[in-house]
C-alpha atoms as a PDB file:
ATOM      1  CA  UNK A   1       0.010  -0.067  -0.022  1.00  0.00           C
ATOM      2  CA  UNK A   2       1.362   3.333  -1.043  1.00  0.00           C
ATOM      3  CA  UNK A   3       1.807   6.003   1.838  1.00  0.00           C
ATOM      4  CA  UNK A   4      -0.917   8.642   2.322  1.00  0.00           C
ATOM      5  CA  UNK A   5      -0.196  12.003   0.574  1.00  0.00           C
ATOM      6  CA  UNK A   6       1.637  14.362   2.905  1.00  0.00           C
ATOM      7  CA  UNK A   7      -0.544  17.561   3.534  1.00  0.00           C
ATOM      8  CA  UNK A   8       0.851  20.894   2.681  1.00  0.00           C
ATOM      9  CA  UNK A   9       2.913  22.241   5.598  1.00  0.00           C
ATOM     10  CA  UNK A  10       2.157  25.900   5.669  1.00  0.00           C
ATOM     11  CA  UNK A  11       4.704  28.158   7.309  1.00  0.00           C
ATOM     12  CA  UNK A  12       2.045  29.943   9.378  1.00  0.00           C
ATOM     13  CA  UNK A  13       4.129  30.435  12.502  1.00  0.00           C
ATOM     14  CA  UNK A  14       7.169  31.756  10.597  1.00  0.00           C
ATOM     15  CA  UNK A  15       5.099  34.155   8.704  1.00  0.00           C
ATOM     16  CA  UNK A  16       3.395  35.394  11.875  1.00  0.00           C
ATOM     17  CA  UNK A  17       6.776  35.844  13.673  1.00  0.00           C
ATOM     18  CA  UNK A  18       8.125  37.879  10.662  1.00  0.00           C
ATOM     19  CA  UNK A  19       5.003  40.113  10.086  1.00  0.00           C
ATOM     20  CA  UNK A  20       3.550  40.596  13.679  1.00  0.00           C
ATOM     21  CA  UNK A  21       6.121  43.268  14.638  1.00  0.00           C
ATOM     22  CA  UNK A  22       5.068  45.285  11.572  1.00  0.00           C
ATOM     23  CA  UNK A  23       1.315  44.666  11.986  1.00  0.00           C
ATOM     24  CA  UNK A  24       0.145  44.448  15.623  1.00  0.00           C
ATOM     25  CA  UNK A  25      -2.690  42.032  16.083  1.00  0.00           C
ATOM     26  CA  UNK A  26      -1.691  40.058  12.952  1.00  0.00           C
ATOM     27  CA  UNK A  27      -2.990  36.632  12.405  1.00  0.00           C
ATOM     28  CA  UNK A  28      -2.453  33.884   9.967  1.00  0.00           C
ATOM     29  CA  UNK A  29      -5.142  31.302   9.140  1.00  0.00           C
ATOM     30  CA  UNK A  30      -5.162  28.304   6.753  1.00  0.00           C
ATOM     31  CA  UNK A  31      -8.477  26.734   5.688  1.00  0.00           C
ATOM     32  CA  UNK A  32      -8.924  23.505   3.888  1.00  0.00           C
ATOM     33  CA  UNK A  33     -11.807  24.941   1.768  1.00  0.00           C
ATOM     34  CA  UNK A  34     -13.842  28.237   1.386  1.00  0.00           C
ATOM     35  CA  UNK A  35     -15.726  29.996  -1.208  1.00  0.00           C
ATOM     36  CA  UNK A  36     -13.198  32.817  -1.568  1.00  0.00           C
ATOM     37  CA  UNK A  37     -10.626  34.150   0.681  1.00  0.00           C
ATOM     38  CA  UNK A  38     -11.282  37.606  -0.284  1.00  0.00           C
ATOM     39  CA  UNK A  39     -15.084  37.204   0.041  1.00  0.00           C
ATOM     40  CA  UNK A  40     -14.564  36.049   3.672  1.00  0.00           C
ATOM     41  CA  UNK A  41     -12.252  38.809   4.673  1.00  0.00           C
ATOM     42  CA  UNK A  42     -14.777  41.402   3.199  1.00  0.00           C
ATOM     43  CA  UNK A  43     -17.503  39.643   5.042  1.00  0.00           C
ATOM     44  CA  UNK A  44     -15.564  40.015   8.346  1.00  0.00           C
ATOM     45  CA  UNK A  45     -14.768  43.707   7.560  1.00  0.00           C
ATOM     46  CA  UNK A  46     -18.484  44.495   7.174  1.00  0.00           C
ATOM     47  CA  UNK A  47     -19.118  42.732  10.538  1.00  0.00           C
ATOM     48  CA  UNK A  48     -16.540  44.885  12.216  1.00  0.00           C
ATOM     49  CA  UNK A  49     -13.632  42.426  12.187  1.00  0.00           C
ATOM     50  CA  UNK A  50     -10.693  44.635  11.038  1.00  0.00           C
ATOM     51  CA  UNK A  51      -7.647  42.952  12.356  1.00  0.00           C
ATOM     52  CA  UNK A  52      -4.822  42.334   9.917  1.00  0.00           C
ATOM     53  CA  UNK A  53      -5.173  38.887   8.624  1.00  0.00           C
ATOM     54  CA  UNK A  54      -3.495  36.555   6.159  1.00  0.00           C
ATOM     55  CA  UNK A  55      -6.143  34.015   5.066  1.00  0.00           C
ATOM     56  CA  UNK A  56      -5.028  30.999   2.967  1.00  0.00           C
ATOM     57  CA  UNK A  57      -7.153  28.379   1.398  1.00  0.00           C
ATOM     58  CA  UNK A  58      -6.164  25.051   0.020  1.00  0.00           C
ATOM     59  CA  UNK A  59      -9.355  24.946  -2.082  1.00  0.00           C
ATOM     60  CA  UNK A  60     -11.494  27.884  -3.208  1.00  0.00           C
ATOM     61  CA  UNK A  61     -14.918  26.948  -4.642  1.00  0.00           C
ATOM     62  CA  UNK A  62     -15.881  30.449  -5.773  1.00  0.00           C
ATOM     63  CA  UNK A  63     -12.710  32.289  -6.350  1.00  0.00           C
ATOM     64  CA  UNK A  64     -12.937  35.801  -7.925  1.00  0.00           C
ATOM     65  CA  UNK A  65     -10.871  37.722 -10.253  1.00  0.00           C
ATOM     66  CA  UNK A  66     -11.107  41.166 -11.848  1.00  0.00           C
ATOM     67  CA  UNK A  67     -14.477  42.086 -13.516  1.00  0.00           C
ATOM     68  CA  UNK A  68     -16.222  39.278 -11.478  1.00  0.00           C
ATOM     69  CA  UNK A  69     -14.493  36.509 -13.372  1.00  0.00           C
ATOM     70  CA  UNK A  70     -14.349  33.174 -11.333  1.00  0.00           C
ATOM     71  CA  UNK A  71     -11.398  31.031 -10.630  1.00  0.00           C
ATOM     72  CA  UNK A  72     -11.844  27.572  -9.168  1.00  0.00           C
ATOM     73  CA  UNK A  73      -8.949  25.838  -7.333  1.00  0.00           C
ATOM     74  CA  UNK A  74      -8.640  22.554  -5.673  1.00  0.00           C
ATOM     75  CA  UNK A  75      -6.174  19.872  -4.854  1.00  0.00           C
ATOM     76  CA  UNK A  76      -4.957  17.276  -7.473  1.00  0.00           C
ATOM     77  CA  UNK A  77      -7.392  14.373  -6.750  1.00  0.00           C
ATOM     78  CA  UNK A  78      -5.753  11.547  -4.678  1.00  0.00           C
ATOM     79  CA  UNK A  79      -2.391  13.387  -4.229  1.00  0.00           C
ATOM     80  CA  UNK A  80      -2.863  15.775  -1.545  1.00  0.00           C
ATOM     81  CA  UNK A  81      -1.094  18.323  -3.640  1.00  0.00           C
ATOM     82  CA  UNK A  82      -2.132  21.984  -3.541  1.00  0.00           C
ATOM     83  CA  UNK A  83      -1.770  23.135  -7.337  1.00  0.00           C
ATOM     84  CA  UNK A  84      -2.337  26.807  -6.712  1.00  0.00           C
ATOM     85  CA  UNK A  85      -1.509  29.364  -4.030  1.00  0.00           C
ATOM     86  CA  UNK A  86      -4.739  31.251  -3.071  1.00  0.00           C
ATOM     87  CA  UNK A  87      -4.676  33.787  -0.298  1.00  0.00           C
ATOM     88  CA  UNK A  88      -5.854  37.134   0.778  1.00  0.00           C
ATOM     89  CA  UNK A  89      -4.297  39.736   3.051  1.00  0.00           C
ATOM     90  CA  UNK A  90      -6.757  42.160   4.836  1.00  0.00           C
ATOM     91  CA  UNK A  91      -5.632  45.167   6.914  1.00  0.00           C
ATOM     92  CA  UNK A  92      -6.569  48.855   7.547  1.00  0.00           C
ATOM     93  CA  UNK A  93      -4.717  51.167   5.304  1.00  0.00           C
ATOM     94  CA  UNK A  94      -4.620  54.934   4.771  1.00  0.00           C
ATOM     95  CA  UNK A  95      -2.374  55.670   1.825  1.00  0.00           C
ATOM     96  CA  UNK A  96      -2.202  59.172   0.403  1.00  0.00           C
ATOM     97  CA  UNK A  97      -3.459  57.962  -2.889  1.00  0.00           C
ATOM     98  CA  UNK A  98      -4.914  54.569  -3.805  1.00  0.00           C
ATOM     99  CA  UNK A  99      -4.017  54.732  -7.574  1.00  0.00           C
ATOM    100  CA  UNK A 100      -1.360  52.170  -8.542  1.00  0.00           C
ATOM    101  CA  UNK A 101      -1.817  49.790  -5.484  1.00  0.00           C
ATOM    102  CA  UNK A 102      -2.411  46.586  -7.495  1.00  0.00           C
ATOM    103  CA  UNK A 103       0.626  47.551  -9.589  1.00  0.00           C
ATOM    104  CA  UNK A 104       2.887  47.869  -6.523  1.00  0.00           C
ATOM    105  CA  UNK A 105       1.568  44.447  -5.296  1.00  0.00           C
ATOM    106  CA  UNK A 106       2.411  42.935  -8.587  1.00  0.00           C
ATOM    107  CA  UNK A 107       6.030  44.244  -8.355  1.00  0.00           C
ATOM    108  CA  UNK A 108       6.314  42.830  -4.835  1.00  0.00           C
ATOM    109  CA  UNK A 109       5.034  39.323  -5.779  1.00  0.00           C
ATOM    110  CA  UNK A 110       7.131  39.104  -9.091  1.00  0.00           C
ATOM    111  CA  UNK A 111      10.421  40.186  -7.206  1.00  0.00           C
ATOM    112  CA  UNK A 112       9.665  37.750  -4.412  1.00  0.00           C
ATOM    113  CA  UNK A 113       9.254  34.869  -6.805  1.00  0.00           C
ATOM    114  CA  UNK A 114      11.927  35.651  -9.306  1.00  0.00           C
ATOM    115  CA  UNK A 115      14.191  38.491  -8.427  1.00  0.00           C
ATOM    116  CA  UNK A 116      16.602  38.002 -11.328  1.00  0.00           C
ATOM    117  CA  UNK A 117      16.146  40.031 -14.464  1.00  0.00           C
ATOM    118  CA  UNK A 118      16.966  38.851 -17.943  1.00  0.00           C
ATOM    119  CA  UNK A 119      20.629  37.601 -18.367  1.00  0.00           C
ATOM    120  CA  UNK A 120      21.039  36.785 -14.805  1.00  0.00           C
ATOM    121  CA  UNK A 121      18.682  33.868 -14.186  1.00  0.00           C
ATOM    122  CA  UNK A 122      20.041  31.135 -16.484  1.00  0.00           C
ATOM    123  CA  UNK A 123      17.452  31.572 -19.140  1.00  0.00           C
ATOM    124  CA  UNK A 124      14.438  30.627 -16.958  1.00  0.00           C
ATOM    125  CA  UNK A 125      11.240  32.295 -17.791  1.00  0.00           C
ATOM    126  CA  UNK A 126      10.910  35.907 -16.276  1.00  0.00           C
ATOM    127  CA  UNK A 127       7.841  36.927 -14.564  1.00  0.00           C
ATOM    128  CA  UNK A 128       6.265  39.955 -16.140  1.00  0.00           C
ATOM    129  CA  UNK A 129       3.503  42.191 -15.178  1.00  0.00           C
ATOM    130  CA  UNK A 130       0.479  42.926 -17.387  1.00  0.00           C
ATOM    131  CA  UNK A 131      -1.329  46.090 -16.487  1.00  0.00           C
ATOM    132  CA  UNK A 132      -3.337  46.209 -14.263  1.00  0.00           C
ATOM    133  CA  UNK A 133      -3.110  43.215 -12.174  1.00  0.00           C
ATOM    134  CA  UNK A 134      -1.797  39.925 -13.830  1.00  0.00           C
ATOM    135  CA  UNK A 135       1.457  38.079 -13.704  1.00  0.00           C
ATOM    136  CA  UNK A 136       2.483  36.489 -16.955  1.00  0.00           C
ATOM    137  CA  UNK A 137       5.514  34.671 -18.137  1.00  0.00           C
ATOM    138  CA  UNK A 138       7.626  35.893 -21.046  1.00  0.00           C
ATOM    139  CA  UNK A 139       6.022  33.416 -23.498  1.00  0.00           C
ATOM    140  CA  UNK A 140       2.723  35.118 -23.118  1.00  0.00           C
ATOM    141  CA  UNK A 141       0.834  32.723 -20.623  1.00  0.00           C
ATOM    142  CA  UNK A 142      -0.788  33.899 -17.463  1.00  0.00           C
ATOM    143  CA  UNK A 143       0.668  32.901 -14.231  1.00  0.00           C
ATOM    144  CA  UNK A 144      -1.655  34.572 -11.785  1.00  0.00           C
ATOM    145  CA  UNK A 145      -3.784  37.547 -10.724  1.00  0.00           C
ATOM    146  CA  UNK A 146      -4.345  40.141  -8.178  1.00  0.00           C
ATOM    147  CA  UNK A 147      -7.633  41.545  -6.855  1.00  0.00           C
ATOM    148  CA  UNK A 148      -7.752  44.662  -4.650  1.00  0.00           C
ATOM    149  CA  UNK A 149     -10.950  45.524  -2.770  1.00  0.00           C
ATOM    150  CA  UNK A 150     -11.621  47.978   0.014  1.00  0.00           C
ATOM    151  CA  UNK A 151     -14.318  48.493   2.619  1.00  0.00           C
ATOM    152  CA  UNK A 152     -15.032  51.911   3.952  1.00  0.00           C
ATOM    153  CA  UNK A 153     -14.722  52.281   7.744  1.00  0.00           C
ATOM    154  CA  UNK A 154     -16.817  54.677   9.896  1.00  0.00           C
ATOM    155  CA  UNK A 155     -15.408  58.172   9.965  1.00  0.00           C
ATOM    156  CA  UNK A 156     -14.073  60.849   7.632  1.00  0.00           C
ATOM    157  CA  UNK A 157     -12.970  59.909   4.061  1.00  0.00           C
ATOM    158  CA  UNK A 158      -9.428  60.437   5.187  1.00  0.00           C
ATOM    159  CA  UNK A 159      -9.693  57.606   7.643  1.00  0.00           C
ATOM    160  CA  UNK A 160      -8.094  54.168   6.839  1.00  0.00           C
ATOM    161  CA  UNK A 161     -10.147  51.675   4.777  1.00  0.00           C
ATOM    162  CA  UNK A 162      -9.854  48.047   5.206  1.00  0.00           C
ATOM    163  CA  UNK A 163      -8.151  46.738   2.105  1.00  0.00           C
ATOM    164  CA  UNK A 164      -8.206  43.151   0.955  1.00  0.00           C
ATOM    165  CA  UNK A 165      -5.349  41.977  -1.455  1.00  0.00           C
ATOM    166  CA  UNK A 166      -6.304  38.632  -3.134  1.00  0.00           C
ATOM    167  CA  UNK A 167      -3.718  36.788  -4.809  1.00  0.00           C
ATOM    168  CA  UNK A 168      -3.966  33.554  -6.953  1.00  0.00           C
ATOM    169  CA  UNK A 169      -1.016  31.810  -8.561  1.00  0.00           C
ATOM    170  CA  UNK A 170      -0.793  28.543 -10.356  1.00  0.00           C
ATOM    171  CA  UNK A 171       1.895  26.495  -8.775  1.00  0.00           C
ATOM    172  CA  UNK A 172       1.475  23.122 -10.701  1.00  0.00           C
ATOM    173  CA  UNK A 173       0.352  22.676 -14.301  1.00  0.00           C
ATOM    174  CA  UNK A 174      -3.294  23.551 -14.665  1.00  0.00           C
ATOM    175  CA  UNK A 175      -5.566  20.594 -15.612  1.00  0.00           C
ATOM    176  CA  UNK A 176      -7.871  22.181 -18.105  1.00  0.00           C
ATOM    177  CA  UNK A 177      -9.623  21.214 -21.234  1.00  0.00           C
ATOM    178  CA  UNK A 178     -10.491  23.390 -24.346  1.00  0.00           C
ATOM    179  CA  UNK A 179      -7.800  26.028 -23.847  1.00  0.00           C
ATOM    180  CA  UNK A 180      -5.491  26.509 -26.847  1.00  0.00           C
ATOM    181  CA  UNK A 181      -2.828  27.916 -24.529  1.00  0.00           C
ATOM    182  CA  UNK A 182      -2.599  26.435 -21.062  1.00  0.00           C
ATOM    183  CA  UNK A 183      -1.878  28.682 -18.211  1.00  0.00           C
ATOM    184  CA  UNK A 184       1.630  28.961 -16.769  1.00  0.00           C
ATOM    185  CA  UNK A 185       2.699  27.748 -13.368  1.00  0.00           C
ATOM    186  CA  UNK A 186       5.346  28.497 -10.781  1.00  0.00           C
ATOM    187  CA  UNK A 187       7.126  25.131 -11.290  1.00  0.00           C
ATOM    188  CA  UNK A 188       8.229  26.478 -14.754  1.00  0.00           C
ATOM    189  CA  UNK A 189       9.967  29.303 -12.962  1.00  0.00           C
ATOM    190  CA  UNK A 190      11.508  27.332 -10.090  1.00  0.00           C
ATOM    191  CA  UNK A 191      10.870  23.615  -9.944  1.00  0.00           C
ATOM    192  CA  UNK A 192      11.296  23.577  -6.119  1.00  0.00           C
ATOM    193  CA  UNK A 193       8.428  25.739  -5.355  1.00  0.00           C
ATOM    194  CA  UNK A 194       5.310  24.637  -3.614  1.00  0.00           C
ATOM    195  CA  UNK A 195       2.265  26.735  -2.602  1.00  0.00           C
ATOM    196  CA  UNK A 196       3.669  26.761   0.953  1.00  0.00           C
ATOM    197  CA  UNK A 197       7.180  27.856   0.036  1.00  0.00           C
ATOM    198  CA  UNK A 198       5.868  30.430  -2.514  1.00  0.00           C
ATOM    199  CA  UNK A 199       3.596  31.987   0.250  1.00  0.00           C
ATOM    200  CA  UNK A 200       6.658  32.206   2.623  1.00  0.00           C
ATOM    201  CA  UNK A 201       8.651  34.093  -0.056  1.00  0.00           C
ATOM    202  CA  UNK A 202       5.743  36.489  -0.770  1.00  0.00           C
ATOM    203  CA  UNK A 203       4.205  37.266   2.541  1.00  0.00           C
ATOM    204  CA  UNK A 204       6.751  39.616   4.352  1.00  0.00           C
ATOM    205  CA  UNK A 205       7.811  41.586   1.312  1.00  0.00           C
ATOM    206  CA  UNK A 206       4.058  42.109   0.467  1.00  0.00           C
ATOM    207  CA  UNK A 207       3.299  43.656   3.961  1.00  0.00           C
ATOM    208  CA  UNK A 208       6.392  45.805   3.543  1.00  0.00           C
ATOM    209  CA  UNK A 209       5.267  46.996   0.097  1.00  0.00           C
ATOM    210  CA  UNK A 210       1.724  47.917   1.439  1.00  0.00           C
ATOM    211  CA  UNK A 211       3.223  49.869   4.208  1.00  0.00           C
ATOM    212  CA  UNK A 212       5.690  51.645   1.869  1.00  0.00           C
ATOM    213  CA  UNK A 213       2.879  52.353  -0.523  1.00  0.00           C
ATOM    214  CA  UNK A 214       0.760  53.943   2.177  1.00  0.00           C
ATOM    215  CA  UNK A 215       3.633  56.317   2.983  1.00  0.00           C
ATOM    216  CA  UNK A 216       4.826  57.093  -0.601  1.00  0.00           C
ATOM    217  CA  UNK A 217       2.270  55.914  -3.202  1.00  0.00           C
ATOM    218  CA  UNK A 218       3.156  54.233  -6.456  1.00  0.00           C
ATOM    219  CA  UNK A 219       5.977  56.476  -7.670  1.00  0.00           C
ATOM    220  CA  UNK A 220       8.844  54.537  -6.017  1.00  0.00           C
ATOM    221  CA  UNK A 221       7.582  51.393  -7.668  1.00  0.00           C
ATOM    222  CA  UNK A 222       7.213  52.986 -11.282  1.00  0.00           C
ATOM    223  CA  UNK A 223      10.788  52.048 -12.332  1.00  0.00           C
ATOM    224  CA  UNK A 224      10.580  48.487 -10.907  1.00  0.00           C
ATOM    225  CA  UNK A 225       7.272  47.961 -12.776  1.00  0.00           C
ATOM    226  CA  UNK A 226       8.753  49.205 -16.046  1.00  0.00           C
ATOM    227  CA  UNK A 227      11.492  46.414 -15.810  1.00  0.00           C
ATOM    228  CA  UNK A 228       8.863  43.800 -15.984  1.00  0.00           C
ATOM    229  CA  UNK A 229       6.165  45.718 -18.072  1.00  0.00           C
ATOM    230  CA  UNK A 230       4.640  43.067 -20.578  1.00  0.00           C
ATOM    231  CA  UNK A 231       2.938  45.714 -22.603  1.00  0.00           C
ATOM    232  CA  UNK A 232       5.525  48.347 -22.992  1.00  0.00           C
ATOM    233  CA  UNK A 233       6.137  49.190 -26.704  1.00  0.00           C
ATOM    234  CA  UNK A 234       3.520  46.754 -27.892  1.00  0.00           C
ATOM    235  CA  UNK A 235       0.297  47.184 -29.817  1.00  0.00           C
ATOM    236  CA  UNK A 236      -2.811  47.052 -27.580  1.00  0.00           C
ATOM    237  CA  UNK A 237      -6.467  46.998 -28.014  1.00  0.00           C
ATOM    238  CA  UNK A 238      -8.646  48.502 -25.324  1.00  0.00           C
ATOM    239  CA  UNK A 239     -12.078  46.937 -24.409  1.00  0.00           C
ATOM    240  CA  UNK A 240     -13.910  49.795 -26.338  1.00  0.00           C
ATOM    241  CA  UNK A 241     -11.992  48.755 -29.542  1.00  0.00           C
ATOM    242  CA  UNK A 242      -9.490  51.703 -29.398  1.00  0.00           C
ATOM    243  CA  UNK A 243      -6.056  50.552 -30.588  1.00  0.00           C
ATOM    244  CA  UNK A 244      -2.685  52.130 -29.881  1.00  0.00           C
ATOM    245  CA  UNK A 245       0.861  51.435 -28.464  1.00  0.00           C
ATOM    246  CA  UNK A 246       1.409  51.052 -24.766  1.00  0.00           C
ATOM    247  CA  UNK A 247       4.154  53.432 -23.534  1.00  0.00           C
ATOM    248  CA  UNK A 248       4.578  52.241 -19.887  1.00  0.00           C
ATOM    249  CA  UNK A 249       2.801  53.655 -16.781  1.00  0.00           C
ATOM    250  CA  UNK A 250       2.759  57.080 -15.168  1.00  0.00           C
ATOM    251  CA  UNK A 251       3.580  57.955 -11.551  1.00  0.00           C
ATOM    252  CA  UNK A 252       0.059  57.381 -10.450  1.00  0.00           C
ATOM    253  CA  UNK A 253      -0.107  53.908 -12.214  1.00  0.00           C
ATOM    254  CA  UNK A 254      -2.112  54.933 -15.182  1.00  0.00           C
ATOM    255  CA  UNK A 255      -1.317  53.002 -18.438  1.00  0.00           C
ATOM    256  CA  UNK A 256      -0.167  55.386 -21.110  1.00  0.00           C
ATOM    257  CA  UNK A 257      -1.332  54.447 -24.585  1.00  0.00           C
ATOM    258  CA  UNK A 258      -0.579  56.465 -27.725  1.00  0.00           C
ATOM    259  CA  UNK A 259      -3.692  56.264 -29.937  1.00  0.00           C
ATOM    260  CA  UNK A 260      -4.956  58.127 -33.044  1.00  0.00           C
ATOM    261  CA  UNK A 261      -6.294  60.735 -30.671  1.00  0.00           C
ATOM    262  CA  UNK A 262      -2.874  61.179 -28.851  1.00  0.00           C
ATOM    263  CA  UNK A 263      -1.461  59.846 -25.641  1.00  0.00           C
ATOM    264  CA  UNK A 264      -4.181  58.668 -23.259  1.00  0.00           C
ATOM    265  CA  UNK A 265      -3.841  57.830 -19.594  1.00  0.00           C
ATOM    266  CA  UNK A 266      -5.985  54.762 -18.940  1.00  0.00           C
ATOM    267  CA  UNK A 267      -7.044  54.437 -15.244  1.00  0.00           C
ATOM    268  CA  UNK A 268     -10.471  52.789 -15.212  1.00  0.00           C
ATOM    269  CA  UNK A 269     -10.799  49.281 -13.517  1.00  0.00           C
ATOM    270  CA  UNK A 270     -13.320  48.626 -16.249  1.00  0.00           C
ATOM    271  CA  UNK A 271     -10.817  48.816 -19.034  1.00  0.00           C
ATOM    272  CA  UNK A 272      -9.458  45.522 -20.311  1.00  0.00           C
ATOM    273  CA  UNK A 273      -6.096  45.700 -22.128  1.00  0.00           C
ATOM    274  CA  UNK A 274      -5.108  42.841 -24.563  1.00  0.00           C
ATOM    275  CA  UNK A 275      -1.909  42.654 -26.646  1.00  0.00           C
ATOM    276  CA  UNK A 276      -2.748  42.762 -30.371  1.00  0.00           C
END
């Protein structure tokens, strides 16, 4: 008889010890299954539970992406392996400006998982950032996504909001049918990565990024985003049909697109950008 699969060993204690000095009251929770980690933290926030929380799910039955898209995750049947890292970080935050937050998060995650830039990483696929909130590999396949949501707290508009950063990353090859191009996975970047080890790489730098963003905004992340900008210099088509060429992002995180009407700064969360 073959041995039973070894459950994922999540580094909850190590993450808590690293992050708690920065976020008083911080907790780490790992759940075997939930509809959506972001949905759960938003539910808690609406019920007055506003403590900083890292919520991890081994399975999501109603995961959500940008524009309401669904993303289902679950263990490889019979293996006990967790094929995707799905977690949300919720905390009160009061940045000077909210614009560019998802881009700063993307920079943090990409640098945590693969800090080396081209020419220094042995030819492995480089993690790129597709405005406004996706992580891709160089070969044009999506690796994961970021969803930022906020809940207003009682008080003046200048008071902190409870922000929930939801992150989903494929760790193992995705078992899908009907897709002409299968999604990418972290094992293609680093064959040693698991959902648990990826989380440990990401967690502390992500918290540090959020605290830095609250103090200084997106501007300090602009050049780092540019190093991994998937769209820069490429033809793009906006969701309204407008075509142009992407020219990087501004200090506030807006996507700059040169069109027949001149340079446009794209900021709306309802804009979908696809390479031509």
